[in-house]
C-alpha atoms as a PDB file:
ATOM      1  CA  MET A   1       0.239  -0.150  -0.563  1.00  0.00           C
ATOM      2  CA  THR A   2       1.615   3.377  -0.653  1.00  0.00           C
ATOM      3  CA  GLU A   3       1.364   6.290   1.236  1.00  0.00           C
ATOM      4  CA  ASN A   4      -1.588   7.904  -0.696  1.00  0.00           C
ATOM      5  CA  GLU A   5      -3.861   4.916  -0.481  1.00  0.00           C
ATOM      6  CA  PRO A   6      -5.575   4.757   2.992  1.00  0.00           C
ATOM      7  CA  GLU A   7      -6.444   8.825   2.103  1.00  0.00           C
ATOM      8  CA  ALA A   8      -8.410   7.465  -0.925  1.00  0.00           C
ATOM      9  CA  LEU A   9      -9.836   4.499   0.515  1.00  0.00           C
ATOM     10  CA  VAL A  10     -11.262   6.465   3.395  1.00  0.00           C
ATOM     11  CA  ALA A  11     -12.751   9.254   0.432  1.00  0.00           C
ATOM     12  CA  PHE A  12     -14.088   6.369  -1.481  1.00  0.00           C
ATOM     13  CA  ILE A  13     -16.019   4.921   1.913  1.00  0.00           C
ATOM     14  CA  GLY A  14     -16.997   8.437   2.023  1.00  0.00           C
ATOM     15  CA  ARG A  15     -18.413   9.299  -1.017  1.00  0.00           C
ATOM     16  CA  GLN A  16     -20.435   5.721  -0.783  1.00  0.00           C
ATOM     17  CA  ARG A  17     -22.161   6.776   1.941  1.00  0.00           C
ATOM     18  CA  ALA A  18     -22.565  10.582   0.468  1.00  0.00           C
ATOM     19  CA  GLU A  19     -23.506   9.669  -3.387  1.00  0.00           C
ATOM     20  CA  HIS A  20     -25.263   6.733  -2.760  1.00  0.00           C
ATOM     21  CA  THR A  21     -26.425   5.797   0.872  1.00  0.00           C
ATOM     22  CA  VAL A  22     -24.591   3.005   1.622  1.00  0.00           C
ATOM     23  CA  PRO A  23     -23.622   2.630   5.102  1.00  0.00           C
ATOM     24  CA  HIS A  24     -19.680   3.026   6.032  1.00  0.00           C
ATOM     25  CA  ARG A  25     -20.181  -0.408   8.193  1.00  0.00           C
ATOM     26  CA  MET A  26     -21.555  -2.264   4.656  1.00  0.00           C
ATOM     27  CA  SER A  27     -18.168  -0.322   2.730  1.00  0.00           C
ATOM     28  CA  CYS A  28     -15.672  -1.398   5.102  1.00  0.00           C
ATOM     29  CA  ARG A  29     -16.787  -5.097   5.244  1.00  0.00           C
ATOM     30  CA  LEU A  30     -16.726  -5.540   1.230  1.00  0.00           C
ATOM     31  CA  LEU A  31     -13.673  -3.578   1.445  1.00  0.00           C
ATOM     32  CA  GLY A  32     -12.023  -5.955   3.883  1.00  0.00           C
ATOM     33  CA  VAL A  33     -11.338  -2.722   5.945  1.00  0.00           C
ATOM     34  CA  SER A  34     -12.430  -2.460   9.966  1.00  0.00           C
ATOM     35  CA  GLU A  35     -14.856   0.133  10.790  1.00  0.00           C
ATOM     36  CA  ALA A  36     -12.019   1.270  13.401  1.00  0.00           C
ATOM     37  CA  TRP A  37      -9.597   1.524  10.664  1.00  0.00           C
ATOM     38  CA  PHE A  38     -12.003   3.898   8.653  1.00  0.00           C
ATOM     39  CA  TYR A  39     -12.857   6.513  11.690  1.00  0.00           C
ATOM     40  CA  LYS A  40      -9.051   6.315  12.884  1.00  0.00           C
ATOM     41  CA  TRP A  41      -8.562   7.507   9.541  1.00  0.00           C
ATOM     42  CA  ARG A  42     -11.087  10.239   8.868  1.00  0.00           C
ATOM     43  CA  ARG A  43     -10.034  11.467  11.758  1.00  0.00           C
ATOM     44  CA  ARG A  44      -6.512  11.887  11.071  1.00  0.00           C
ATOM     45  CA  SER A  45      -4.775  14.925  10.724  1.00  0.00           C
ATOM     46  CA  ALA A  46      -3.234  16.042   7.296  1.00  0.00           C
ATOM     47  CA  GLN A  47       0.014  16.245   9.384  1.00  0.00           C
ATOM     48  CA  PRO A  48       2.698  13.362   9.376  1.00  0.00           C
ATOM     49  CA  THR A  49       2.798  11.509  13.195  1.00  0.00           C
ATOM     50  CA  GLU A  50       6.170  11.773  15.300  1.00  0.00           C
ATOM     51  CA  ARG A  51       5.805   8.159  14.396  1.00  0.00           C
ATOM     52  CA  GLU A  52       5.892   8.503  10.998  1.00  0.00           C
ATOM     53  CA  VAL A  53       8.632  11.251  10.602  1.00  0.00           C
ATOM     54  CA  ARG A  54      10.940   9.163  12.615  1.00  0.00           C
ATOM     55  CA  GLU A  55      10.441   5.856  10.162  1.00  0.00           C
ATOM     56  CA  ALA A  56      10.846   8.162   7.270  1.00  0.00           C
ATOM     57  CA  ARG A  57      14.437   9.585   8.571  1.00  0.00           C
ATOM     58  CA  GLU A  58      14.997   6.614   9.538  1.00  0.00           C
ATOM     59  CA  ARG A  59      14.409   5.047   6.327  1.00  0.00           C
ATOM     60  CA  HIS A  60      16.784   8.048   4.738  1.00  0.00           C
ATOM     61  CA  GLY A  61      19.589   7.510   7.374  1.00  0.00           C
ATOM     62  CA  GLN A  62      19.044  10.371   9.326  1.00  0.00           C
ATOM     63  CA  LYS A  63      19.192   9.975  12.955  1.00  0.00           C
ATOM     64  CA  ASP A  64      16.038  11.104  15.285  1.00  0.00           C
ATOM     65  CA  GLN A  65      16.878  14.672  16.257  1.00  0.00           C
ATOM     66  CA  THR A  66      14.691  14.530  19.225  1.00  0.00           C
ATOM     67  CA  ALA A  67      16.333  12.724  21.138  1.00  0.00           C
END
């Protein structure tokens, strides 16, 4: 899964409800994601979390500067 796929999936589930009155529960079940996952991602900030920043630095060989 790429970085943008979760956001696209959340948007798709939201559109199904808005445009076709398909309940979130049904869309989540059909797409194989939990409702908890959907609601977590829907509430998520657009900014990366501290963990995501730390993991990105580690992937690129940069030491965490917050320690």
